[in-house]
């Protein structure tokens, strides 16, 4: 059993603590306040929930470029259902089911048709974005939110809104399933060596499809959280979100080669991105420098993964 400092998520955790302390020292009157911590957690919810599903995808050796489009489609479907008289629970269930169906399409393309995940999800990214635009039939859909806006609104009582607890619950359930179920073991096995997994009796096709369905459903749930922030259905929303989600998972210690990653690491990566973005804003660093810092961190994480695998070999 590896020591904590040998885990892939340990270096990102140390980096997160160091960056957070640095910004607290640079802007103690604003960045260090409890209300700012609550704000950063709220801003991390959408990426964090989607990153749980992306962790499964990357561990099993795949990729999903359709996350941003799925989130946008979810907000449109949700707004459309609410506008046409559905209750909030029915609208949410329908939107998440549509997102899970999008994941099923990805899974069938990758596992059944055996097309490269990059190509399949690149295609569905475009198709889903177009579908969202067609369904909206206008720049956005305004609808009565029926209380869904409260998911990520600053609470009147307590420090964190309900959406933060939802994200924490999703992460906990995802971690338990990944490490303590046969499905989770099969995900790791496929990512480590697909041919060996087949010889050991793993149903690779079914597991791959299930991974993409799970990722789609969680992207849908992230879309519900996005809608609670936007309060409209916006087909142009979340462009580039897939890159943020992939970056969070990779920065958190997952390997794009598959076979390694963790839910906790993905959450650390997601929150680290938010801390850097928010901290730079508080100390007056321009946006272009923020993008450079984020890119440098991603590149460093990828390099560390390569060195870690080389040393293990």
Foldseek 3Di string as FASTA:
>chain_A
DDDPCLALQNVLVVVLVVLLVVLCVLFVPPSVDLLNVQVLLLVLLLLLLLLLLQLLQQQLQAAAPQLLLLLLLLQLQLLVCQAVPDANVVSLVVSLQVLLVLLLQLLCCCQVVVDHSVVSNVVSNVVSLVVSCVSQVDQWRAGDNNPLLQQRDQDPDDRHTNSSVVSVVSLVVSQCCLPPHPLNVLSLVNLVPVVVSVVVPDPVSVSSSVSSSSSSSSSSVSSSSVCSNVNINGSVPRVVSSVLSVLLFLLLRGASSHNDTGSVSSSSSSSSLSSLVVSCVSNVNDPVVSVVVSVVSSVVSNVVNVVSVVVVD
